């Protein structure tokens, strides 16, 4: 496959996705959006990958939207006058140039069956920051910066960040971060709850891989996928009974799958040999995901 804005490398089960426009500080474009959306969709079927790490080439993670492009820099069709009704079917080709490109990326990350870790090696501004909010962890270099700067440009938050951000840092802090539009250094980002940890630049990639290993090495791929999706989706349910319904099905199918091997290995005091791929999820999975997206 040809990638024009990204670089992919799979090593020992970890896919490293590098935003690869270093001459533009890895600034985001509609093409990059499409390639990231494709990456996080296709990795669900790639059984050679157990986790994903996202980082940037050169000195930046992502400097935000490339504001130097011609026309509407966000790739939107200014001749349209869309309504909320028009947005009811997100797959409609009629709104392909109405939909926020950052949101297409974060929704694909949200639906990903593999843990996703951001290794933020430099400035992460605008969509460079909000794309990471849908990931499972944000590790920052001491030289990194994090900026939700939409207020400075007269635009609104995107990439479904008004959904992800309050869940990470709480509503009052989310509002403060968005209103102030400040660019935070790594220490301040960690204090705000945006960064899980801060590392020396020379150790960032190694620490991201170590975290990916800690989460996924020797684990069931199916159970990991179910755990990720149940946690990110069930946390917003109104009633615990609804979580119980999904957890019951997940427990049922995992117990007769890799769970049976896990129990045998425990009894026999040996390392389990999990074999079920995340490309083959339990029968209820597709119906459940579709129901949560249509709710």
C-alpha atoms as a PDB file:
ATOM      1  CA  UNK A   1       0.000   0.000   0.000  1.00  0.00           C
ATOM      2  CA  UNK A   2       1.117   3.549  -0.695  1.00  0.00           C
ATOM      3  CA  UNK A   3       1.169   6.063   2.134  1.00  0.00           C
ATOM      4  CA  UNK A   4       1.955   9.691   1.333  1.00  0.00           C
ATOM      5  CA  UNK A   5       1.677  11.327   4.774  1.00  0.00           C
ATOM      6  CA  UNK A   6       2.377   8.410   7.109  1.00  0.00           C
ATOM      7  CA  UNK A   7       5.086   5.832   7.693  1.00  0.00           C
ATOM      8  CA  UNK A   8       4.171   2.367   9.032  1.00  0.00           C
ATOM      9  CA  UNK A   9       6.477  -0.096  10.768  1.00  0.00           C
ATOM     10  CA  UNK A  10       5.437  -3.347  12.457  1.00  0.00           C
ATOM     11  CA  UNK A  11       7.952  -4.759  14.907  1.00  0.00           C
ATOM     12  CA  UNK A  12       7.208  -7.589  17.359  1.00  0.00           C
ATOM     13  CA  UNK A  13       3.470  -7.023  17.131  1.00  0.00           C
ATOM     14  CA  UNK A  14       3.565  -3.244  17.588  1.00  0.00           C
ATOM     15  CA  UNK A  15       2.566  -1.000  14.693  1.00  0.00           C
ATOM     16  CA  UNK A  16       4.321   2.356  14.857  1.00  0.00           C
ATOM     17  CA  UNK A  17       2.498   4.989  12.802  1.00  0.00           C
ATOM     18  CA  UNK A  18       4.665   8.040  12.146  1.00  0.00           C
ATOM     19  CA  UNK A  19       3.086  11.266  10.916  1.00  0.00           C
ATOM     20  CA  UNK A  20       5.521  11.919   8.098  1.00  0.00           C
ATOM     21  CA  UNK A  21       5.520  15.528   6.890  1.00  0.00           C
ATOM     22  CA  UNK A  22       8.536  16.787   8.847  1.00  0.00           C
ATOM     23  CA  UNK A  23       9.109  19.732   6.502  1.00  0.00           C
ATOM     24  CA  UNK A  24       5.643  21.003   7.562  1.00  0.00           C
ATOM     25  CA  UNK A  25       5.960  19.922  11.225  1.00  0.00           C
ATOM     26  CA  UNK A  26       3.650  17.036  10.304  1.00  0.00           C
ATOM     27  CA  UNK A  27       0.764  19.443   9.733  1.00  0.00           C
ATOM     28  CA  UNK A  28      -2.574  17.715   9.204  1.00  0.00           C
ATOM     29  CA  UNK A  29      -4.279  17.588   5.797  1.00  0.00           C
ATOM     30  CA  UNK A  30      -7.426  15.892   4.440  1.00  0.00           C
ATOM     31  CA  UNK A  31      -5.094  13.323   2.856  1.00  0.00           C
ATOM     32  CA  UNK A  32      -3.520  12.557   6.244  1.00  0.00           C
ATOM     33  CA  UNK A  33      -7.014  12.271   7.715  1.00  0.00           C
ATOM     34  CA  UNK A  34      -7.948   9.677   5.121  1.00  0.00           C
ATOM     35  CA  UNK A  35      -4.757   7.714   5.663  1.00  0.00           C
ATOM     36  CA  UNK A  36      -5.170   7.710   9.446  1.00  0.00           C
ATOM     37  CA  UNK A  37      -8.820   6.662   9.174  1.00  0.00           C
ATOM     38  CA  UNK A  38      -7.778   3.839   6.860  1.00  0.00           C
ATOM     39  CA  UNK A  39      -4.944   2.811   9.183  1.00  0.00           C
ATOM     40  CA  UNK A  40      -7.156   2.447  12.240  1.00  0.00           C
ATOM     41  CA  UNK A  41      -9.862   0.642  10.282  1.00  0.00           C
ATOM     42  CA  UNK A  42      -7.568  -1.827   8.545  1.00  0.00           C
ATOM     43  CA  UNK A  43      -5.500  -2.644  11.641  1.00  0.00           C
ATOM     44  CA  UNK A  44      -8.569  -4.378  13.089  1.00  0.00           C
ATOM     45  CA  UNK A  45      -8.086  -7.130  10.509  1.00  0.00           C
ATOM     46  CA  UNK A  46      -4.296  -7.312  10.857  1.00  0.00           C
ATOM     47  CA  UNK A  47      -3.583 -10.159  13.236  1.00  0.00           C
ATOM     48  CA  UNK A  48       0.148  -9.384  13.203  1.00  0.00           C
ATOM     49  CA  UNK A  49      -0.560  -6.232  15.241  1.00  0.00           C
ATOM     50  CA  UNK A  50      -1.443  -6.228  18.945  1.00  0.00           C
ATOM     51  CA  UNK A  51      -0.961  -2.508  19.703  1.00  0.00           C
ATOM     52  CA  UNK A  52      -0.444   0.801  17.897  1.00  0.00           C
ATOM     53  CA  UNK A  53       1.953   3.646  18.737  1.00  0.00           C
ATOM     54  CA  UNK A  54       1.522   7.022  17.000  1.00  0.00           C
ATOM     55  CA  UNK A  55       4.363   9.540  16.836  1.00  0.00           C
ATOM     56  CA  UNK A  56       5.733  12.284  14.592  1.00  0.00           C
ATOM     57  CA  UNK A  57       8.733  12.530  12.274  1.00  0.00           C
ATOM     58  CA  UNK A  58      11.387  15.095  13.104  1.00  0.00           C
ATOM     59  CA  UNK A  59      10.921  17.607  15.916  1.00  0.00           C
ATOM     60  CA  UNK A  60       7.106  17.840  15.960  1.00  0.00           C
ATOM     61  CA  UNK A  61       4.211  15.529  16.645  1.00  0.00           C
ATOM     62  CA  UNK A  62       1.649  17.488  14.620  1.00  0.00           C
ATOM     63  CA  UNK A  63       1.451  21.275  14.301  1.00  0.00           C
ATOM     64  CA  UNK A  64      -2.286  21.174  13.612  1.00  0.00           C
ATOM     65  CA  UNK A  65      -4.140  21.714  10.360  1.00  0.00           C
ATOM     66  CA  UNK A  66      -1.983  22.804   7.448  1.00  0.00           C
ATOM     67  CA  UNK A  67      -3.234  26.359   7.066  1.00  0.00           C
ATOM     68  CA  UNK A  68      -1.200  26.972   3.933  1.00  0.00           C
ATOM     69  CA  UNK A  69      -3.369  24.917   1.584  1.00  0.00           C
ATOM     70  CA  UNK A  70      -5.636  26.520  -1.033  1.00  0.00           C
ATOM     71  CA  UNK A  71      -9.388  26.951  -0.581  1.00  0.00           C
ATOM     72  CA  UNK A  72     -11.042  25.867   2.642  1.00  0.00           C
ATOM     73  CA  UNK A  73      -8.036  24.648   4.634  1.00  0.00           C
ATOM     74  CA  UNK A  74     -10.222  22.118   6.460  1.00  0.00           C
ATOM     75  CA  UNK A  75     -11.243  20.454   3.195  1.00  0.00           C
ATOM     76  CA  UNK A  76     -14.893  21.489   3.528  1.00  0.00           C
ATOM     77  CA  UNK A  77     -17.303  22.455   0.741  1.00  0.00           C
ATOM     78  CA  UNK A  78     -18.277  26.088   1.383  1.00  0.00           C
ATOM     79  CA  UNK A  79     -21.048  25.981  -1.222  1.00  0.00           C
ATOM     80  CA  UNK A  80     -23.214  23.816   1.058  1.00  0.00           C
ATOM     81  CA  UNK A  81     -25.583  24.856   3.868  1.00  0.00           C
ATOM     82  CA  UNK A  82     -25.852  21.648   5.915  1.00  0.00           C
ATOM     83  CA  UNK A  83     -28.410  21.075   8.669  1.00  0.00           C
ATOM     84  CA  UNK A  84     -28.474  18.725  11.645  1.00  0.00           C
ATOM     85  CA  UNK A  85     -30.875  16.487   9.712  1.00  0.00           C
ATOM     86  CA  UNK A  86     -28.284  16.166   6.958  1.00  0.00           C
ATOM     87  CA  UNK A  87     -25.847  14.768   9.546  1.00  0.00           C
ATOM     88  CA  UNK A  88     -28.099  11.854  10.540  1.00  0.00           C
ATOM     89  CA  UNK A  89     -26.294   9.414   8.235  1.00  0.00           C
ATOM     90  CA  UNK A  90     -22.560   9.940   8.640  1.00  0.00           C
ATOM     91  CA  UNK A  91     -21.865   7.564   5.750  1.00  0.00           C
ATOM     92  CA  UNK A  92     -23.865   9.603   3.246  1.00  0.00           C
ATOM     93  CA  UNK A  93     -21.662  10.857   0.386  1.00  0.00           C
ATOM     94  CA  UNK A  94     -23.662  14.093   0.449  1.00  0.00           C
ATOM     95  CA  UNK A  95     -21.894  15.178   3.641  1.00  0.00           C
ATOM     96  CA  UNK A  96     -18.425  13.830   2.848  1.00  0.00           C
ATOM     97  CA  UNK A  97     -17.126  17.412   2.686  1.00  0.00           C
ATOM     98  CA  UNK A  98     -19.191  18.592   5.618  1.00  0.00           C
ATOM     99  CA  UNK A  99     -17.884  16.071   8.129  1.00  0.00           C
ATOM    100  CA  UNK A 100     -14.964  17.215  10.246  1.00  0.00           C
ATOM    101  CA  UNK A 101     -11.874  15.346   9.043  1.00  0.00           C
ATOM    102  CA  UNK A 102     -10.443  15.131  12.556  1.00  0.00           C
ATOM    103  CA  UNK A 103     -13.617  13.468  13.759  1.00  0.00           C
ATOM    104  CA  UNK A 104     -13.318  10.822  11.072  1.00  0.00           C
ATOM    105  CA  UNK A 105      -9.916   9.957  12.535  1.00  0.00           C
ATOM    106  CA  UNK A 106     -10.925   9.894  16.193  1.00  0.00           C
ATOM    107  CA  UNK A 107     -14.037   7.829  15.475  1.00  0.00           C
ATOM    108  CA  UNK A 108     -11.812   5.278  13.727  1.00  0.00           C
ATOM    109  CA  UNK A 109      -9.465   5.280  16.734  1.00  0.00           C
ATOM    110  CA  UNK A 110     -12.444   4.937  19.066  1.00  0.00           C
ATOM    111  CA  UNK A 111     -13.609   1.851  17.119  1.00  0.00           C
ATOM    112  CA  UNK A 112     -10.129   0.303  16.987  1.00  0.00           C
ATOM    113  CA  UNK A 113      -9.747  -3.136  18.605  1.00  0.00           C
ATOM    114  CA  UNK A 114      -6.088  -2.583  19.499  1.00  0.00           C
ATOM    115  CA  UNK A 115      -4.748  -0.343  22.293  1.00  0.00           C
ATOM    116  CA  UNK A 116      -3.449   2.951  20.884  1.00  0.00           C
ATOM    117  CA  UNK A 117      -0.651   4.980  22.492  1.00  0.00           C
ATOM    118  CA  UNK A 118       0.442   8.489  21.513  1.00  0.00           C
ATOM    119  CA  UNK A 119       4.184   9.120  21.791  1.00  0.00           C
ATOM    120  CA  UNK A 120       4.066  12.921  21.582  1.00  0.00           C
ATOM    121  CA  UNK A 121       7.624  13.847  20.633  1.00  0.00           C
ATOM    122  CA  UNK A 122       7.123  17.573  19.997  1.00  0.00           C
ATOM    123  CA  UNK A 123       4.412  20.225  19.535  1.00  0.00           C
ATOM    124  CA  UNK A 124       0.878  18.800  19.326  1.00  0.00           C
ATOM    125  CA  UNK A 125      -1.493  21.637  18.455  1.00  0.00           C
ATOM    126  CA  UNK A 126      -5.117  21.727  17.317  1.00  0.00           C
ATOM    127  CA  UNK A 127      -5.946  18.427  15.630  1.00  0.00           C
ATOM    128  CA  UNK A 128      -2.438  17.328  16.621  1.00  0.00           C
ATOM    129  CA  UNK A 129      -3.684  17.449  20.203  1.00  0.00           C
ATOM    130  CA  UNK A 130      -7.313  16.384  19.790  1.00  0.00           C
ATOM    131  CA  UNK A 131      -6.529  13.269  17.747  1.00  0.00           C
ATOM    132  CA  UNK A 132      -4.678  11.896  20.786  1.00  0.00           C
ATOM    133  CA  UNK A 133      -7.689  12.287  23.095  1.00  0.00           C
ATOM    134  CA  UNK A 134      -9.260   9.160  21.575  1.00  0.00           C
ATOM    135  CA  UNK A 135      -6.111   7.135  22.296  1.00  0.00           C
ATOM    136  CA  UNK A 136      -5.558   5.029  25.409  1.00  0.00           C
ATOM    137  CA  UNK A 137      -2.501   6.911  26.671  1.00  0.00           C
ATOM    138  CA  UNK A 138      -0.525  10.037  25.868  1.00  0.00           C
ATOM    139  CA  UNK A 139       3.195   9.860  26.669  1.00  0.00           C
ATOM    140  CA  UNK A 140       4.980  13.176  26.185  1.00  0.00           C
ATOM    141  CA  UNK A 141       8.575  14.138  25.633  1.00  0.00           C
ATOM    142  CA  UNK A 142       9.928  16.875  27.894  1.00  0.00           C
ATOM    143  CA  UNK A 143      10.213  18.971  24.717  1.00  0.00           C
ATOM    144  CA  UNK A 144       6.571  18.431  23.709  1.00  0.00           C
ATOM    145  CA  UNK A 145       3.799  21.003  23.841  1.00  0.00           C
ATOM    146  CA  UNK A 146       0.000  20.499  23.872  1.00  0.00           C
ATOM    147  CA  UNK A 147      -2.368  23.166  22.617  1.00  0.00           C
ATOM    148  CA  UNK A 148      -6.149  23.266  22.184  1.00  0.00           C
ATOM    149  CA  UNK A 149      -5.886  26.560  20.333  1.00  0.00           C
ATOM    150  CA  UNK A 150      -9.205  26.770  18.475  1.00  0.00           C
ATOM    151  CA  UNK A 151     -10.279  29.921  20.293  1.00  0.00           C
ATOM    152  CA  UNK A 152      -7.289  31.783  18.864  1.00  0.00           C
ATOM    153  CA  UNK A 153      -8.460  31.019  15.316  1.00  0.00           C
ATOM    154  CA  UNK A 154     -12.151  31.757  15.786  1.00  0.00           C
ATOM    155  CA  UNK A 155     -13.149  28.122  15.256  1.00  0.00           C
ATOM    156  CA  UNK A 156     -14.655  25.470  17.495  1.00  0.00           C
ATOM    157  CA  UNK A 157     -13.265  22.216  18.947  1.00  0.00           C
ATOM    158  CA  UNK A 158     -13.327  19.263  16.583  1.00  0.00           C
ATOM    159  CA  UNK A 159     -12.313  15.587  16.365  1.00  0.00           C
ATOM    160  CA  UNK A 160     -15.178  14.764  18.780  1.00  0.00           C
ATOM    161  CA  UNK A 161     -13.009  16.434  21.448  1.00  0.00           C
ATOM    162  CA  UNK A 162     -16.062  17.850  23.240  1.00  0.00           C
ATOM    163  CA  UNK A 163     -16.908  14.190  23.963  1.00  0.00           C
ATOM    164  CA  UNK A 164     -13.417  12.849  24.702  1.00  0.00           C
ATOM    165  CA  UNK A 165     -11.880  15.771  26.611  1.00  0.00           C
ATOM    166  CA  UNK A 166     -14.380  16.047  29.514  1.00  0.00           C
ATOM    167  CA  UNK A 167     -14.122  12.296  30.037  1.00  0.00           C
ATOM    168  CA  UNK A 168     -10.373  12.659  30.466  1.00  0.00           C
ATOM    169  CA  UNK A 169     -10.079  15.758  32.620  1.00  0.00           C
ATOM    170  CA  UNK A 170     -13.606  16.605  33.833  1.00  0.00           C
ATOM    171  CA  UNK A 171     -15.968  19.286  32.571  1.00  0.00           C
ATOM    172  CA  UNK A 172     -14.610  22.368  34.425  1.00  0.00           C
ATOM    173  CA  UNK A 173     -11.018  21.715  33.385  1.00  0.00           C
ATOM    174  CA  UNK A 174     -12.080  20.885  29.825  1.00  0.00           C
ATOM    175  CA  UNK A 175     -13.860  24.231  29.535  1.00  0.00           C
ATOM    176  CA  UNK A 176     -10.861  26.073  30.948  1.00  0.00           C
ATOM    177  CA  UNK A 177      -8.498  24.391  28.482  1.00  0.00           C
ATOM    178  CA  UNK A 178     -10.768  25.214  25.534  1.00  0.00           C
ATOM    179  CA  UNK A 179     -11.605  28.773  26.568  1.00  0.00           C
ATOM    180  CA  UNK A 180      -8.028  29.758  27.437  1.00  0.00           C
ATOM    181  CA  UNK A 181      -6.526  28.143  24.294  1.00  0.00           C
ATOM    182  CA  UNK A 182      -3.186  27.998  26.064  1.00  0.00           C
ATOM    183  CA  UNK A 183      -0.274  25.924  24.834  1.00  0.00           C
ATOM    184  CA  UNK A 184       0.890  23.742  27.725  1.00  0.00           C
ATOM    185  CA  UNK A 185       4.353  22.359  28.256  1.00  0.00           C
ATOM    186  CA  UNK A 186       4.679  18.666  29.090  1.00  0.00           C
ATOM    187  CA  UNK A 187       4.641  19.214  32.856  1.00  0.00           C
ATOM    188  CA  UNK A 188       1.493  21.317  32.701  1.00  0.00           C
ATOM    189  CA  UNK A 189      -0.177  18.789  30.373  1.00  0.00           C
ATOM    190  CA  UNK A 190       0.563  16.024  32.854  1.00  0.00           C
ATOM    191  CA  UNK A 191      -0.781  18.115  35.732  1.00  0.00           C
ATOM    192  CA  UNK A 192      -3.972  18.768  33.745  1.00  0.00           C
ATOM    193  CA  UNK A 193      -4.528  15.050  33.245  1.00  0.00           C
ATOM    194  CA  UNK A 194      -3.794  15.166  29.515  1.00  0.00           C
ATOM    195  CA  UNK A 195      -0.475  13.287  29.646  1.00  0.00           C
ATOM    196  CA  UNK A 196      -0.064   9.943  31.393  1.00  0.00           C
ATOM    197  CA  UNK A 197       3.689  10.406  31.757  1.00  0.00           C
ATOM    198  CA  UNK A 198       6.561  12.629  30.633  1.00  0.00           C
ATOM    199  CA  UNK A 199       9.846  11.147  29.404  1.00  0.00           C
ATOM    200  CA  UNK A 200      13.246  12.239  28.175  1.00  0.00           C
ATOM    201  CA  UNK A 201      13.136  12.583  24.361  1.00  0.00           C
ATOM    202  CA  UNK A 202      15.672   9.776  23.912  1.00  0.00           C
ATOM    203  CA  UNK A 203      13.512   7.376  25.940  1.00  0.00           C
ATOM    204  CA  UNK A 204      10.033   8.261  24.630  1.00  0.00           C
ATOM    205  CA  UNK A 205       9.775   5.620  21.891  1.00  0.00           C
ATOM    206  CA  UNK A 206      11.143   2.915  24.189  1.00  0.00           C
ATOM    207  CA  UNK A 207       8.677   3.837  26.941  1.00  0.00           C
ATOM    208  CA  UNK A 208       5.754   3.783  24.493  1.00  0.00           C
ATOM    209  CA  UNK A 209       6.723   0.293  23.331  1.00  0.00           C
ATOM    210  CA  UNK A 210       7.191  -0.844  26.926  1.00  0.00           C
ATOM    211  CA  UNK A 211       3.662   0.333  27.761  1.00  0.00           C
ATOM    212  CA  UNK A 212       2.284  -1.451  24.692  1.00  0.00           C
ATOM    213  CA  UNK A 213       4.026  -4.639  25.851  1.00  0.00           C
ATOM    214  CA  UNK A 214       2.733  -4.272  29.402  1.00  0.00           C
ATOM    215  CA  UNK A 215      -0.811  -4.001  28.107  1.00  0.00           C
ATOM    216  CA  UNK A 216      -0.803  -6.627  25.345  1.00  0.00           C
ATOM    217  CA  UNK A 217       2.137  -9.040  25.486  1.00  0.00           C
ATOM    218  CA  UNK A 218       0.897 -12.511  26.381  1.00  0.00           C
ATOM    219  CA  UNK A 219      -2.728 -11.339  26.457  1.00  0.00           C
ATOM    220  CA  UNK A 220      -5.743 -12.591  24.529  1.00  0.00           C
ATOM    221  CA  UNK A 221      -6.272 -10.380  21.479  1.00  0.00           C
ATOM    222  CA  UNK A 222     -10.040 -10.854  21.614  1.00  0.00           C
ATOM    223  CA  UNK A 223     -10.308 -10.171  25.346  1.00  0.00           C
ATOM    224  CA  UNK A 224      -8.152  -7.055  24.942  1.00  0.00           C
ATOM    225  CA  UNK A 225     -10.354  -5.791  22.105  1.00  0.00           C
ATOM    226  CA  UNK A 226     -13.519  -6.430  24.104  1.00  0.00           C
ATOM    227  CA  UNK A 227     -12.046  -4.798  27.206  1.00  0.00           C
ATOM    228  CA  UNK A 228     -11.114  -1.674  25.243  1.00  0.00           C
ATOM    229  CA  UNK A 229     -14.467  -1.318  23.525  1.00  0.00           C
ATOM    230  CA  UNK A 230     -16.566  -2.114  26.599  1.00  0.00           C
ATOM    231  CA  UNK A 231     -14.656   0.392  28.718  1.00  0.00           C
ATOM    232  CA  UNK A 232     -14.808   3.287  26.267  1.00  0.00           C
ATOM    233  CA  UNK A 233     -18.461   2.666  25.361  1.00  0.00           C
ATOM    234  CA  UNK A 234     -20.019   1.445  28.623  1.00  0.00           C
ATOM    235  CA  UNK A 235     -18.611   4.333  30.663  1.00  0.00           C
ATOM    236  CA  UNK A 236     -21.190   6.652  29.102  1.00  0.00           C
ATOM    237  CA  UNK A 237     -24.198   4.401  29.693  1.00  0.00           C
ATOM    238  CA  UNK A 238     -26.870   5.653  32.041  1.00  0.00           C
ATOM    239  CA  UNK A 239     -27.557   2.313  33.766  1.00  0.00           C
ATOM    240  CA  UNK A 240     -25.193  -0.426  34.977  1.00  0.00           C
ATOM    241  CA  UNK A 241     -27.697  -3.028  33.766  1.00  0.00           C
ATOM    242  CA  UNK A 242     -26.852  -2.085  30.185  1.00  0.00           C
ATOM    243  CA  UNK A 243     -23.158  -2.674  30.853  1.00  0.00           C
ATOM    244  CA  UNK A 244     -24.067  -5.982  32.501  1.00  0.00           C
ATOM    245  CA  UNK A 245     -25.825  -7.206  29.355  1.00  0.00           C
ATOM    246  CA  UNK A 246     -22.758  -6.622  27.186  1.00  0.00           C
ATOM    247  CA  UNK A 247     -20.313  -7.890  29.805  1.00  0.00           C
ATOM    248  CA  UNK A 248     -22.347 -11.094  30.135  1.00  0.00           C
ATOM    249  CA  UNK A 249     -22.014 -11.805  26.418  1.00  0.00           C
ATOM    250  CA  UNK A 250     -18.336 -10.867  26.411  1.00  0.00           C
ATOM    251  CA  UNK A 251     -17.659 -13.105  29.402  1.00  0.00           C
ATOM    252  CA  UNK A 252     -19.639 -15.967  27.863  1.00  0.00           C
ATOM    253  CA  UNK A 253     -17.764 -15.957  24.561  1.00  0.00           C
ATOM    254  CA  UNK A 254     -14.336 -15.262  26.049  1.00  0.00           C
ATOM    255  CA  UNK A 255     -14.793 -18.052  28.608  1.00  0.00           C
ATOM    256  CA  UNK A 256     -15.360 -20.625  25.871  1.00  0.00           C
ATOM    257  CA  UNK A 257     -12.553 -19.136  23.741  1.00  0.00           C
ATOM    258  CA  UNK A 258      -9.180 -17.965  25.027  1.00  0.00           C
ATOM    259  CA  UNK A 259     -10.548 -18.057  28.568  1.00  0.00           C
ATOM    260  CA  UNK A 260     -10.636 -21.851  28.502  1.00  0.00           C
ATOM    261  CA  UNK A 261      -6.927 -21.884  27.613  1.00  0.00           C
ATOM    262  CA  UNK A 262      -6.203 -19.295  30.296  1.00  0.00           C
ATOM    263  CA  UNK A 263      -7.870 -21.399  32.984  1.00  0.00           C
ATOM    264  CA  UNK A 264      -6.050 -24.547  31.828  1.00  0.00           C
ATOM    265  CA  UNK A 265      -2.715 -22.724  31.855  1.00  0.00           C
ATOM    266  CA  UNK A 266      -3.388 -21.424  35.365  1.00  0.00           C
ATOM    267  CA  UNK A 267      -4.197 -24.893  36.635  1.00  0.00           C
ATOM    268  CA  UNK A 268      -1.157 -26.411  34.934  1.00  0.00           C
ATOM    269  CA  UNK A 269       1.131 -23.570  36.071  1.00  0.00           C
ATOM    270  CA  UNK A 270       2.287 -22.722  32.549  1.00  0.00           C
ATOM    271  CA  UNK A 271       2.185 -19.749  30.179  1.00  0.00           C
ATOM    272  CA  UNK A 272      -1.117 -19.576  28.269  1.00  0.00           C
ATOM    273  CA  UNK A 273      -1.142 -19.902  24.486  1.00  0.00           C
ATOM    274  CA  UNK A 274      -3.891 -17.586  23.320  1.00  0.00           C
ATOM    275  CA  UNK A 275      -4.801 -18.121  19.666  1.00  0.00           C
ATOM    276  CA  UNK A 276      -8.042 -16.262  18.963  1.00  0.00           C
ATOM    277  CA  UNK A 277      -7.441 -13.290  16.582  1.00  0.00           C
ATOM    278  CA  UNK A 278      -9.111  -9.915  17.035  1.00  0.00           C
ATOM    279  CA  UNK A 279     -10.152 -10.078  13.387  1.00  0.00           C
ATOM    280  CA  UNK A 280     -12.686 -12.757  14.421  1.00  0.00           C
ATOM    281  CA  UNK A 281     -14.799 -11.229  17.185  1.00  0.00           C
ATOM    282  CA  UNK A 282     -17.716 -13.000  18.950  1.00  0.00           C
ATOM    283  CA  UNK A 283     -21.074 -13.146  17.133  1.00  0.00           C
ATOM    284  CA  UNK A 284     -22.686 -10.325  19.146  1.00  0.00           C
ATOM    285  CA  UNK A 285     -19.868  -7.828  18.550  1.00  0.00           C
ATOM    286  CA  UNK A 286     -20.940  -6.270  15.241  1.00  0.00           C
ATOM    287  CA  UNK A 287     -24.567  -5.868  16.344  1.00  0.00           C
ATOM    288  CA  UNK A 288     -23.485  -4.296  19.643  1.00  0.00           C
ATOM    289  CA  UNK A 289     -21.109  -1.802  18.021  1.00  0.00           C
ATOM    290  CA  UNK A 290     -23.747  -0.814  15.484  1.00  0.00           C
ATOM    291  CA  UNK A 291     -26.312  -0.319  18.268  1.00  0.00           C
ATOM    292  CA  UNK A 292     -23.983   1.946  20.268  1.00  0.00           C
ATOM    293  CA  UNK A 293     -23.253   4.049  17.209  1.00  0.00           C
ATOM    294  CA  UNK A 294     -26.953   4.450  16.375  1.00  0.00           C
ATOM    295  CA  UNK A 295     -28.056   5.199  19.942  1.00  0.00           C
END
